[in-house]
PDB file of all heavy atoms in Angstrom:
ATOM      1  N   ALA A   1      16.982 -25.605   5.540  1.00  0.00           N
ATOM      2  CA  ALA A   1      17.661 -25.627   4.234  1.00  0.00           C
ATOM      3  C   ALA A   1      19.150 -25.337   4.396  1.00  0.00           C
ATOM      4  O   ALA A   1      19.993 -26.012   3.793  1.00  0.00           O
ATOM      5  CB  ALA A   1      17.020 -24.618   3.290  1.00  0.00           C
ATOM      6  N   ASP A   2      19.484 -24.367   5.232  1.00  0.00           N
ATOM      7  CA  ASP A   2      20.894 -24.035   5.474  1.00  0.00           C
ATOM      8  C   ASP A   2      21.633 -25.190   6.144  1.00  0.00           C
ATOM      9  O   ASP A   2      22.776 -25.491   5.796  1.00  0.00           O
ATOM     10  CB  ASP A   2      21.014 -22.781   6.345  1.00  0.00           C
ATOM     11  CG  ASP A   2      20.610 -21.505   5.619  1.00  0.00           C
ATOM     12  OD1 ASP A   2      20.454 -21.532   4.370  1.00  0.00           O
ATOM     13  OD2 ASP A   2      20.435 -20.478   6.314  1.00  0.00           O
ATOM     14  N   ALA A   3      20.996 -25.836   7.099  1.00  0.00           N
ATOM     15  CA  ALA A   3      21.637 -26.934   7.831  1.00  0.00           C
ATOM     16  C   ALA A   3      22.018 -28.092   6.918  1.00  0.00           C
ATOM     17  O   ALA A   3      23.005 -28.782   7.163  1.00  0.00           O
ATOM     18  CB  ALA A   3      20.721 -27.428   8.948  1.00  0.00           C
ATOM     19  N   PHE A   4      21.254 -28.292   5.852  1.00  0.00           N
ATOM     20  CA  PHE A   4      21.527 -29.393   4.930  1.00  0.00           C
ATOM     21  C   PHE A   4      22.157 -28.922   3.627  1.00  0.00           C
ATOM     22  O   PHE A   4      22.349 -29.707   2.707  1.00  0.00           O
ATOM     23  CB  PHE A   4      20.244 -30.189   4.667  1.00  0.00           C
ATOM     24  CG  PHE A   4      19.665 -30.766   5.926  1.00  0.00           C
ATOM     25  CD1 PHE A   4      18.370 -30.478   6.307  1.00  0.00           C
ATOM     26  CD2 PHE A   4      20.427 -31.562   6.768  1.00  0.00           C
ATOM     27  CE1 PHE A   4      17.836 -30.977   7.483  1.00  0.00           C
ATOM     28  CE2 PHE A   4      19.908 -32.071   7.950  1.00  0.00           C
ATOM     29  CZ  PHE A   4      18.612 -31.779   8.308  1.00  0.00           C
ATOM     30  N   GLY A   5      22.497 -27.650   3.563  1.00  0.00           N
ATOM     31  CA  GLY A   5      23.166 -27.115   2.379  1.00  0.00           C
ATOM     32  C   GLY A   5      22.316 -27.177   1.130  1.00  0.00           C
ATOM     33  O   GLY A   5      22.849 -27.294   0.022  1.00  0.00           O
ATOM     34  N   SER A   6      21.010 -27.086   1.270  1.00  0.00           N
ATOM     35  CA  SER A   6      20.111 -27.177   0.118  1.00  0.00           C
ATOM     36  C   SER A   6      20.343 -26.011  -0.837  1.00  0.00           C
ATOM     37  O   SER A   6      20.338 -24.857  -0.443  1.00  0.00           O
ATOM     38  CB  SER A   6      18.653 -27.182   0.576  1.00  0.00           C
ATOM     39  OG  SER A   6      17.791 -27.172  -0.543  1.00  0.00           O
ATOM     40  N   GLN A   7      20.511 -26.354  -2.110  1.00  0.00           N
ATOM     41  CA  GLN A   7      20.692 -25.350  -3.152  1.00  0.00           C
ATOM     42  C   GLN A   7      19.395 -25.093  -3.910  1.00  0.00           C
ATOM     43  O   GLN A   7      19.330 -24.195  -4.750  1.00  0.00           O
ATOM     44  CB  GLN A   7      21.787 -25.796  -4.130  1.00  0.00           C
ATOM     45  CG  GLN A   7      23.137 -25.994  -3.478  1.00  0.00           C
ATOM     46  CD  GLN A   7      23.648 -24.734  -2.808  1.00  0.00           C
ATOM     47  OE1 GLN A   7      23.703 -23.673  -3.426  1.00  0.00           O
ATOM     48  NE2 GLN A   7      23.982 -24.826  -1.536  1.00  0.00           N
ATOM     49  N   ASP A   8      18.367 -25.889  -3.625  1.00  0.00           N
ATOM     50  CA  ASP A   8      17.098 -25.769  -4.341  1.00  0.00           C
ATOM     51  C   ASP A   8      16.005 -26.291  -3.422  1.00  0.00           C
ATOM     52  O   ASP A   8      16.047 -27.440  -3.004  1.00  0.00           O
ATOM     53  CB  ASP A   8      17.159 -26.585  -5.631  1.00  0.00           C
ATOM     54  CG  ASP A   8      15.878 -26.538  -6.435  1.00  0.00           C
ATOM     55  OD1 ASP A   8      15.089 -25.590  -6.265  1.00  0.00           O
ATOM     56  OD2 ASP A   8      15.656 -27.476  -7.232  1.00  0.00           O
ATOM     57  N   ARG A   9      15.068 -25.430  -3.104  1.00  0.00           N
ATOM     58  CA  ARG A   9      13.980 -25.881  -2.233  1.00  0.00           C
ATOM     59  C   ARG A   9      12.653 -25.330  -2.719  1.00  0.00           C
ATOM     60  O   ARG A   9      12.598 -24.323  -3.421  1.00  0.00           O
ATOM     61  CB  ARG A   9      14.225 -25.466  -0.797  1.00  0.00           C
ATOM     62  CG  ARG A   9      14.037 -23.999  -0.530  1.00  0.00           C
ATOM     63  CD  ARG A   9      14.221 -23.706   0.963  1.00  0.00           C
ATOM     64  NE  ARG A   9      13.815 -22.362   1.265  1.00  0.00           N
ATOM     65  CZ  ARG A   9      14.607 -21.323   1.378  1.00  0.00           C
ATOM     66  NH1 ARG A   9      15.899 -21.479   1.195  1.00  0.00           N
ATOM     67  NH2 ARG A   9      14.138 -20.134   1.666  1.00  0.00           N
ATOM     68  N   SER A  10      11.604 -26.010  -2.346  1.00  0.00           N
ATOM     69  CA  SER A  10      10.258 -25.511  -2.598  1.00  0.00           C
ATOM     70  C   SER A  10       9.424 -25.798  -1.361  1.00  0.00           C
ATOM     71  O   SER A  10       9.709 -26.705  -0.589  1.00  0.00           O
ATOM     72  CB  SER A  10       9.642 -26.153  -3.848  1.00  0.00           C
ATOM     73  OG  SER A  10       9.535 -27.546  -3.686  1.00  0.00           O
ATOM     74  N   VAL A  11       8.408 -24.967  -1.183  1.00  0.00           N
ATOM     75  CA  VAL A  11       7.564 -25.060  -0.004  1.00  0.00           C
ATOM     76  C   VAL A  11       6.108 -25.009  -0.444  1.00  0.00           C
ATOM     77  O   VAL A  11       5.731 -24.155  -1.247  1.00  0.00           O
ATOM     78  CB  VAL A  11       7.840 -23.891   0.969  1.00  0.00           C
ATOM     79  CG1 VAL A  11       6.910 -23.949   2.170  1.00  0.00           C
ATOM     80  CG2 VAL A  11       9.300 -23.875   1.404  1.00  0.00           C
ATOM     81  N   VAL A  12       5.316 -25.927   0.077  1.00  0.00           N
ATOM     82  CA  VAL A  12       3.877 -25.897  -0.120  1.00  0.00           C
ATOM     83  C   VAL A  12       3.270 -25.636   1.247  1.00  0.00           C
ATOM     84  O   VAL A  12       3.549 -26.357   2.206  1.00  0.00           O
ATOM     85  CB  VAL A  12       3.336 -27.218  -0.701  1.00  0.00           C
ATOM     86  CG1 VAL A  12       1.814 -27.198  -0.761  1.00  0.00           C
ATOM     87  CG2 VAL A  12       3.934 -27.499  -2.068  1.00  0.00           C
ATOM     88  N   THR A  13       2.463 -24.589   1.327  1.00  0.00           N
ATOM     89  CA  THR A  13       1.783 -24.266   2.575  1.00  0.00           C
ATOM     90  C   THR A  13       0.319 -24.640   2.430  1.00  0.00           C
ATOM     91  O   THR A  13      -0.356 -24.164   1.513  1.00  0.00           O
ATOM     92  CB  THR A  13       1.909 -22.765   2.893  1.00  0.00           C
ATOM     93  OG1 THR A  13       3.293 -22.429   2.978  1.00  0.00           O
ATOM     94  CG2 THR A  13       1.231 -22.422   4.208  1.00  0.00           C
ATOM     95  N   LEU A  14      -0.140 -25.494   3.313  1.00  0.00           N
ATOM     96  CA  LEU A  14      -1.540 -25.904   3.326  1.00  0.00           C
ATOM     97  C   LEU A  14      -2.208 -25.327   4.558  1.00  0.00           C
ATOM     98  O   LEU A  14      -1.665 -25.430   5.661  1.00  0.00           O
ATOM     99  CB  LEU A  14      -1.662 -27.430   3.375  1.00  0.00           C
ATOM    100  CG  LEU A  14      -1.113 -28.201   2.194  1.00  0.00           C
ATOM    101  CD1 LEU A  14      -1.148 -29.697   2.492  1.00  0.00           C
ATOM    102  CD2 LEU A  14      -1.910 -27.895   0.954  1.00  0.00           C
ATOM    103  N   GLN A  15      -3.361 -24.734   4.380  1.00  0.00           N
ATOM    104  CA  GLN A  15      -4.151 -24.267   5.511  1.00  0.00           C
ATOM    105  C   GLN A  15      -5.109 -25.398   5.855  1.00  0.00           C
ATOM    106  O   GLN A  15      -6.081 -25.630   5.154  1.00  0.00           O
ATOM    107  CB  GLN A  15      -4.918 -22.992   5.135  1.00  0.00           C
ATOM    108  CG  GLN A  15      -4.019 -21.845   4.745  1.00  0.00           C
ATOM    109  CD  GLN A  15      -3.096 -21.404   5.875  1.00  0.00           C
ATOM    110  OE1 GLN A  15      -3.484 -21.377   7.026  1.00  0.00           O
ATOM    111  NE2 GLN A  15      -1.871 -21.075   5.528  1.00  0.00           N
ATOM    112  N   ARG A  16      -4.799 -26.126   6.928  1.00  0.00           N
ATOM    113  CA  ARG A  16      -5.636 -27.254   7.327  1.00  0.00           C
ATOM    114  C   ARG A  16      -6.600 -26.840   8.419  1.00  0.00           C
ATOM    115  O   ARG A  16      -6.394 -25.865   9.108  1.00  0.00           O
ATOM    116  CB  ARG A  16      -4.757 -28.394   7.813  1.00  0.00           C
ATOM    117  CG  ARG A  16      -3.937 -29.001   6.707  1.00  0.00           C
ATOM    118  CD  ARG A  16      -3.090 -30.083   7.258  1.00  0.00           C
ATOM    119  NE  ARG A  16      -3.167 -31.242   6.397  1.00  0.00           N
ATOM    120  CZ  ARG A  16      -2.459 -32.336   6.604  1.00  0.00           C
ATOM    121  NH1 ARG A  16      -1.666 -32.428   7.634  1.00  0.00           N
ATOM    122  NH2 ARG A  16      -2.555 -33.337   5.769  1.00  0.00           N
ATOM    123  N   GLY A  17      -7.620 -27.663   8.583  1.00  0.00           N
ATOM    124  CA  GLY A  17      -8.553 -27.463   9.677  1.00  0.00           C
ATOM    125  C   GLY A  17      -9.623 -26.442   9.405  1.00  0.00           C
ATOM    126  O   GLY A  17     -10.423 -26.130  10.278  1.00  0.00           O
ATOM    127  N   GLN A  18      -9.648 -25.916   8.190  1.00  0.00           N
ATOM    128  CA  GLN A  18     -10.722 -24.995   7.843  1.00  0.00           C
ATOM    129  C   GLN A  18     -11.958 -25.823   7.544  1.00  0.00           C
ATOM    130  O   GLN A  18     -11.895 -26.793   6.803  1.00  0.00           O
ATOM    131  CB  GLN A  18     -10.326 -24.142   6.646  1.00  0.00           C
ATOM    132  CG  GLN A  18      -9.139 -23.260   6.938  1.00  0.00           C
ATOM    133  CD  GLN A  18      -8.680 -22.480   5.724  1.00  0.00           C
ATOM    134  OE1 GLN A  18      -9.189 -22.656   4.622  1.00  0.00           O
ATOM    135  NE2 GLN A  18      -7.711 -21.615   5.919  1.00  0.00           N
ATOM    136  N   MET A  19     -13.054 -25.442   8.107  1.00  0.00           N
ATOM    137  CA  MET A  19     -14.250 -26.257   7.997  1.00  0.00           C
ATOM    138  C   MET A  19     -15.098 -25.954   6.770  1.00  0.00           C
ATOM    139  O   MET A  19     -16.196 -26.438   6.640  1.00  0.00           O
ATOM    140  CB  MET A  19     -15.110 -26.092   9.266  1.00  0.00           C
ATOM    141  CG  MET A  19     -14.399 -26.533  10.517  1.00  0.00           C
ATOM    142  SD  MET A  19     -13.792 -28.222  10.315  1.00  0.00           S
ATOM    143  CE  MET A  19     -12.450 -28.223  11.481  1.00  0.00           C
ATOM    144  N   ASP A  20     -14.579 -25.166   5.855  1.00  0.00           N
ATOM    145  CA  ASP A  20     -15.312 -24.918   4.616  1.00  0.00           C
ATOM    146  C   ASP A  20     -14.490 -25.414   3.438  1.00  0.00           C
ATOM    147  O   ASP A  20     -13.400 -25.941   3.599  1.00  0.00           O
ATOM    148  CB  ASP A  20     -15.681 -23.440   4.460  1.00  0.00           C
ATOM    149  CG  ASP A  20     -14.462 -22.521   4.458  1.00  0.00           C
ATOM    150  OD1 ASP A  20     -13.365 -22.966   4.055  1.00  0.00           O
ATOM    151  OD2 ASP A  20     -14.598 -21.361   4.852  1.00  0.00           O
ATOM    152  N   ALA A  21     -14.974 -25.235   2.266  1.00  0.00           N
ATOM    153  CA  ALA A  21     -14.311 -25.761   1.064  1.00  0.00           C
ATOM    154  C   ALA A  21     -13.222 -24.846   0.536  1.00  0.00           C
ATOM    155  O   ALA A  21     -12.670 -25.098  -0.518  1.00  0.00           O
ATOM    156  CB  ALA A  21     -15.351 -26.004  -0.029  1.00  0.00           C
ATOM    157  N   SER A  22     -12.862 -23.802   1.264  1.00  0.00           N
ATOM    158  CA  SER A  22     -11.895 -22.840   0.740  1.00  0.00           C
ATOM    159  C   SER A  22     -10.462 -23.138   1.166  1.00  0.00           C
ATOM    160  O   SER A  22      -9.646 -22.244   1.220  1.00  0.00           O
ATOM    161  CB  SER A  22     -12.274 -21.425   1.186  1.00  0.00           C
ATOM    162  OG  SER A  22     -12.157 -21.323   2.594  1.00  0.00           O
ATOM    163  N   VAL A  23     -10.149 -24.384   1.461  1.00  0.00           N
ATOM    164  CA  VAL A  23      -8.784 -24.753   1.817  1.00  0.00           C
ATOM    165  C   VAL A  23      -7.898 -24.511   0.609  1.00  0.00           C
ATOM    166  O   VAL A  23      -8.227 -24.895  -0.511  1.00  0.00           O
ATOM    167  CB  VAL A  23      -8.704 -26.232   2.259  1.00  0.00           C
ATOM    168  CG1 VAL A  23      -7.272 -26.642   2.515  1.00  0.00           C
ATOM    169  CG2 VAL A  23      -9.559 -26.450   3.498  1.00  0.00           C
ATOM    170  N   SER A  24      -6.780 -23.853   0.835  1.00  0.00           N
ATOM    171  CA  SER A  24      -5.918 -23.502  -0.284  1.00  0.00           C
ATOM    172  C   SER A  24      -4.498 -23.963  -0.040  1.00  0.00           C
ATOM    173  O   SER A  24      -4.089 -24.179   1.088  1.00  0.00           O
ATOM    174  CB  SER A  24      -5.934 -21.990  -0.500  1.00  0.00           C
ATOM    175  OG  SER A  24      -5.426 -21.348   0.646  1.00  0.00           O
ATOM    176  N   ALA A  25      -3.769 -24.100  -1.118  1.00  0.00           N
ATOM    177  CA  ALA A  25      -2.350 -24.434  -1.054  1.00  0.00           C
ATOM    178  C   ALA A  25      -1.584 -23.361  -1.798  1.00  0.00           C
ATOM    179  O   ALA A  25      -2.002 -22.916  -2.855  1.00  0.00           O
ATOM    180  CB  ALA A  25      -2.084 -25.795  -1.684  1.00  0.00           C
ATOM    181  N   VAL A  26      -0.471 -22.958  -1.229  1.00  0.00           N
ATOM    182  CA  VAL A  26       0.388 -21.975  -1.857  1.00  0.00           C
ATOM    183  C   VAL A  26       1.745 -22.635  -2.036  1.00  0.00           C
ATOM    184  O   VAL A  26       2.330 -23.140  -1.083  1.00  0.00           O
ATOM    185  CB  VAL A  26       0.529 -20.710  -0.980  1.00  0.00           C
ATOM    186  CG1 VAL A  26       1.487 -19.726  -1.621  1.00  0.00           C
ATOM    187  CG2 VAL A  26      -0.835 -20.078  -0.747  1.00  0.00           C
TER     188      VAL A  26
END
């Protein structure tokens, strides 16, 4: 973000590779 001078960012974190149905996104 700093390298591109971003003034507004958002992040989605996905937990992949979980073998059950409890995969979540934050």
